[in-house]
Amino acid sequence: MDMEFVITSKRKDANKNAVKILEAAKIVFAQKGHETTIEEVAVEAKVGVGTIYRRFNNKHQLANAVAYEVIAEIYEEQVRILKSNLTTIEKVKHVFACYAKITIKYGEIHQMIVDLLVSEKGEEDLKESFLLGLKKLYAEVITNGQKENIFREGDPRLYEIILQNMINPQMVKQIAEIMPLEETPSFLADVALNGLLLKK
């Protein structure tokens, strides 16, 4: 009985540490992006460096975990937007605007996510979940827009591909070299809607 209690307590402590590490990592990565060190995260989390390495093999694995959490948070907000009473056009604008919120709330993490999604440092699970989330979101947006006769007719899969590529991390990265990263979602939403809207 005592042994069971000890094991359970250790698991609880391990889970608490994992949460502390990720929350601390968000704070430090938001400030320093790729320049963040494991030591800085350990200080912020008030845990030993070894505690972090028991959870994450290296800084890149920790960065991917942070990116996954932030993307999941944004995706949940986008799902809420699609379930709202906004018009389809407003939904598209708000869904795109969510990406700007990453910069506002998480600073350097936005650029870090873009870099991870276009480089070998990004884990395949992260890239696949990001693309799958986009596909689900845009499939619903396109279907609704066509039902309301405000989007062009045609195979919705074609428009899904276009919308997915409007948030193509490589393109976002290139555009962000010309305009502030937080302004790119609004610009891309306007361009996307211009191509989708039925001309009357």
Protein backbone atom coordinates (compact mmCIF):
# COMPACT_ATOMS: atom_id res chain seq x y z
CA MET A 1 0.00 0.00 0.00
CA ASP A 2 2.78 2.40 0.96
CA MET A 3 4.67 1.51 -2.23
CA GLU A 4 1.57 2.25 -4.36
CA PHE A 5 1.27 5.65 -2.71
CA VAL A 6 4.91 6.46 -3.43
CA ILE A 7 4.58 5.46 -7.10
CA THR A 8 1.37 7.48 -7.51
CA SER A 9 2.97 10.49 -5.85
CA LYS A 10 5.98 10.27 -8.13
CA ARG A 11 3.72 10.16 -11.18
CA LYS A 12 1.80 13.19 -9.95
CA ASP A 13 5.07 15.06 -9.37
CA ALA A 14 6.27 14.07 -12.84
CA ASN A 15 3.06 15.37 -14.41
CA LYS A 16 3.28 18.60 -12.41
CA ASN A 17 6.86 19.04 -13.56
CA ALA A 18 5.86 18.47 -17.20
CA VAL A 19 3.22 21.21 -16.94
CA LYS A 20 5.66 23.55 -15.17
CA ILE A 21 8.31 22.94 -17.81
CA LEU A 22 5.97 23.60 -20.74
CA GLU A 23 4.53 26.75 -19.17
CA ALA A 24 8.02 28.02 -18.38
CA ALA A 25 9.21 27.11 -21.89
CA LYS A 26 6.37 29.16 -23.41
CA ILE A 27 7.49 32.20 -21.42
CA VAL A 28 11.16 31.88 -22.36
CA PHE A 29 10.61 30.85 -26.00
CA ALA A 30 8.18 33.79 -26.38
CA GLN A 31 11.00 36.13 -25.39
CA LYS A 32 13.99 34.49 -27.05
CA GLY A 33 12.71 32.06 -29.68
CA HIS A 34 15.39 29.68 -30.97
CA GLU A 35 18.01 31.34 -28.77
CA THR A 36 16.37 29.84 -25.68
CA THR A 37 18.49 27.42 -23.65
CA ILE A 38 17.40 24.48 -21.53
CA GLU A 39 19.10 26.16 -18.57
CA GLU A 40 16.90 29.25 -18.94
CA VAL A 41 13.76 27.12 -19.04
CA ALA A 42 14.92 25.26 -15.93
CA VAL A 43 15.39 28.55 -14.06
CA GLU A 44 11.94 29.79 -15.13
CA ALA A 45 10.32 26.46 -14.18
CA LYS A 46 12.27 26.27 -10.91
CA VAL A 47 13.39 22.71 -11.67
CA GLY A 48 16.76 21.15 -12.30
CA VAL A 49 18.15 20.84 -15.82
CA GLY A 50 18.11 17.05 -15.37
CA THR A 51 14.35 17.16 -14.76
CA ILE A 52 13.86 18.71 -18.19
CA TYR A 53 16.15 16.19 -19.89
CA ARG A 54 14.16 13.35 -18.34
CA ARG A 55 11.15 14.67 -20.28
CA PHE A 56 12.79 16.07 -23.41
CA ASN A 57 15.90 14.77 -25.15
CA ASN A 58 16.98 18.20 -26.37
CA LYS A 59 15.87 21.78 -26.95
CA HIS A 60 14.30 20.98 -30.33
CA GLN A 61 12.02 18.36 -28.79
CA LEU A 62 10.95 20.89 -26.17
CA ALA A 63 10.38 23.53 -28.87
CA ASN A 64 8.17 21.09 -30.80
CA ALA A 65 6.15 20.36 -27.65
CA VAL A 66 5.62 24.08 -27.09
CA ALA A 67 4.67 24.59 -30.75
CA TYR A 68 2.19 21.70 -30.58
CA GLU A 69 0.51 23.19 -27.49
CA VAL A 70 0.22 26.66 -29.03
CA ILE A 71 -1.13 25.29 -32.33
CA ALA A 72 -3.68 23.18 -30.42
CA GLU A 73 -4.80 26.24 -28.47
CA ILE A 74 -5.26 28.28 -31.67
CA TYR A 75 -7.08 25.40 -33.37
CA GLU A 76 -9.56 25.14 -30.48
CA GLU A 77 -10.28 28.85 -30.82
CA GLN A 78 -10.80 28.45 -34.57
CA VAL A 79 -13.26 25.61 -34.00
CA ARG A 80 -15.22 27.87 -31.63
CA ILE A 81 -15.29 30.54 -34.34
CA LEU A 82 -16.73 28.10 -36.88
CA LYS A 83 -19.46 27.13 -34.41
CA SER A 84 -20.36 30.78 -33.77
CA ASN A 85 -23.14 32.83 -35.38
CA LEU A 86 -20.72 34.94 -37.43
CA THR A 87 -21.20 35.12 -41.19
CA THR A 88 -18.98 32.84 -43.28
CA ILE A 89 -16.90 35.79 -44.47
CA GLU A 90 -16.39 36.96 -40.88
CA LYS A 91 -15.47 33.41 -39.88
CA VAL A 92 -12.74 33.28 -42.54
CA LYS A 93 -11.30 36.59 -41.34
CA HIS A 94 -11.43 35.55 -37.68
CA VAL A 95 -9.90 32.13 -38.39
CA PHE A 96 -6.97 33.78 -40.17
CA ALA A 97 -6.72 36.44 -37.44
CA CYS A 98 -6.07 33.70 -34.88
CA TYR A 99 -2.58 33.31 -36.32
CA ALA A 100 -1.83 36.96 -35.55
CA LYS A 101 -2.78 36.28 -31.94
CA ILE A 102 0.16 33.88 -31.68
CA THR A 103 2.50 36.83 -32.17
CA ILE A 104 0.56 39.06 -29.78
CA LYS A 105 0.35 36.44 -27.03
CA TYR A 106 3.46 34.36 -27.65
CA GLY A 107 5.94 36.71 -29.32
CA GLU A 108 8.87 34.84 -30.84
CA ILE A 109 7.02 31.51 -30.68
CA HIS A 110 5.11 32.45 -33.87
CA GLN A 111 8.31 32.67 -35.91
CA MET A 112 9.61 29.55 -34.18
CA ILE A 113 6.50 27.61 -35.23
CA VAL A 114 6.85 28.79 -38.83
CA ASP A 115 10.52 27.74 -38.81
CA LEU A 116 9.72 24.32 -37.32
CA LEU A 117 7.02 23.66 -39.91
CA VAL A 118 9.40 24.32 -42.81
CA SER A 119 12.56 22.69 -41.49
CA GLU A 120 13.89 19.30 -40.42
CA LYS A 121 13.80 20.50 -36.81
CA GLY A 122 10.02 20.24 -36.88
CA GLU A 123 8.72 16.79 -35.99
CA GLU A 124 6.50 15.02 -38.53
CA ASP A 125 3.67 14.66 -35.98
CA LEU A 126 3.64 18.44 -35.53
CA LYS A 127 3.51 19.07 -39.29
CA GLU A 128 0.83 16.44 -39.89
CA SER A 129 -1.43 17.65 -37.07
CA PHE A 130 -1.09 21.24 -38.31
CA LEU A 131 -2.09 20.30 -41.87
CA LEU A 132 -4.90 18.01 -40.72
CA GLY A 133 -6.32 20.81 -38.57
CA LEU A 134 -6.21 23.23 -41.50
CA LYS A 135 -7.92 20.73 -43.78
CA LYS A 136 -10.82 20.18 -41.36
CA LEU A 137 -11.30 23.90 -40.76
CA TYR A 138 -11.25 24.91 -44.39
CA ALA A 139 -13.44 22.03 -45.57
CA GLU A 140 -16.21 23.33 -43.32
CA VAL A 141 -15.69 26.97 -44.34
CA ILE A 142 -15.80 26.17 -48.07
CA THR A 143 -18.86 23.91 -47.78
CA ASN A 144 -20.79 26.56 -45.84
CA GLY A 145 -19.77 29.34 -48.22
CA GLN A 146 -20.95 27.35 -51.23
CA LYS A 147 -24.25 26.44 -49.55
CA GLU A 148 -24.84 30.14 -48.88
CA ASN A 149 -24.01 30.94 -52.54
CA ILE A 150 -21.30 33.42 -51.58
CA PHE A 151 -18.32 31.29 -52.68
CA ARG A 152 -17.58 30.09 -56.19
CA GLU A 153 -19.02 26.77 -57.30
CA GLY A 154 -16.75 23.84 -58.03
CA ASP A 155 -15.03 21.00 -56.24
CA PRO A 156 -14.53 22.25 -52.66
CA ARG A 157 -11.27 20.30 -52.42
CA LEU A 158 -9.69 22.71 -54.90
CA TYR A 159 -10.52 25.68 -52.68
CA GLU A 160 -9.39 23.80 -49.57
CA ILE A 161 -5.96 23.38 -51.18
CA ILE A 162 -5.83 27.09 -51.99
CA LEU A 163 -6.81 28.08 -48.44
CA GLN A 164 -4.34 25.63 -46.91
CA ASN A 165 -1.58 27.14 -48.97
CA MET A 166 -2.56 30.65 -47.92
CA ILE A 167 -1.18 29.65 -44.52
CA ASN A 168 1.71 27.72 -46.04
CA PRO A 169 4.48 28.34 -43.48
CA GLN A 170 7.11 28.82 -46.20
CA MET A 171 5.03 31.52 -47.89
CA VAL A 172 4.18 33.14 -44.55
CA LYS A 173 7.88 33.25 -43.77
CA GLN A 174 8.62 34.99 -47.09
CA ILE A 175 5.78 37.50 -46.67
CA ALA A 176 6.92 38.22 -43.11
CA GLU A 177 10.19 39.49 -44.59
CA ILE A 178 8.16 42.25 -46.28
CA MET A 179 5.50 43.04 -43.67
CA PRO A 180 5.18 42.42 -39.91
CA LEU A 181 4.32 38.80 -39.15
CA GLU A 182 1.24 39.79 -37.13
CA GLU A 183 -0.22 41.59 -40.19
CA THR A 184 0.16 38.68 -42.61
CA PRO A 185 -3.02 36.75 -41.57
CA SER A 186 -5.28 39.73 -42.34
CA PHE A 187 -3.55 40.29 -45.68
CA LEU A 188 -3.85 36.60 -46.59
CA ALA A 189 -7.52 36.46 -45.54
CA ASP A 190 -8.32 39.37 -47.87
CA VAL A 191 -6.46 37.72 -50.76
CA ALA A 192 -8.16 34.36 -50.10
CA LEU A 193 -11.64 35.88 -49.91
CA ASN A 194 -11.05 37.84 -53.11
CA GLY A 195 -10.46 34.55 -54.90
CA LEU A 196 -13.31 32.66 -53.22
CA LEU A 197 -16.17 35.14 -53.34
CA LEU A 198 -18.71 34.71 -56.09
CA LYS A 199 -18.54 37.72 -58.42
CA LYS A 200 -21.97 39.30 -58.89
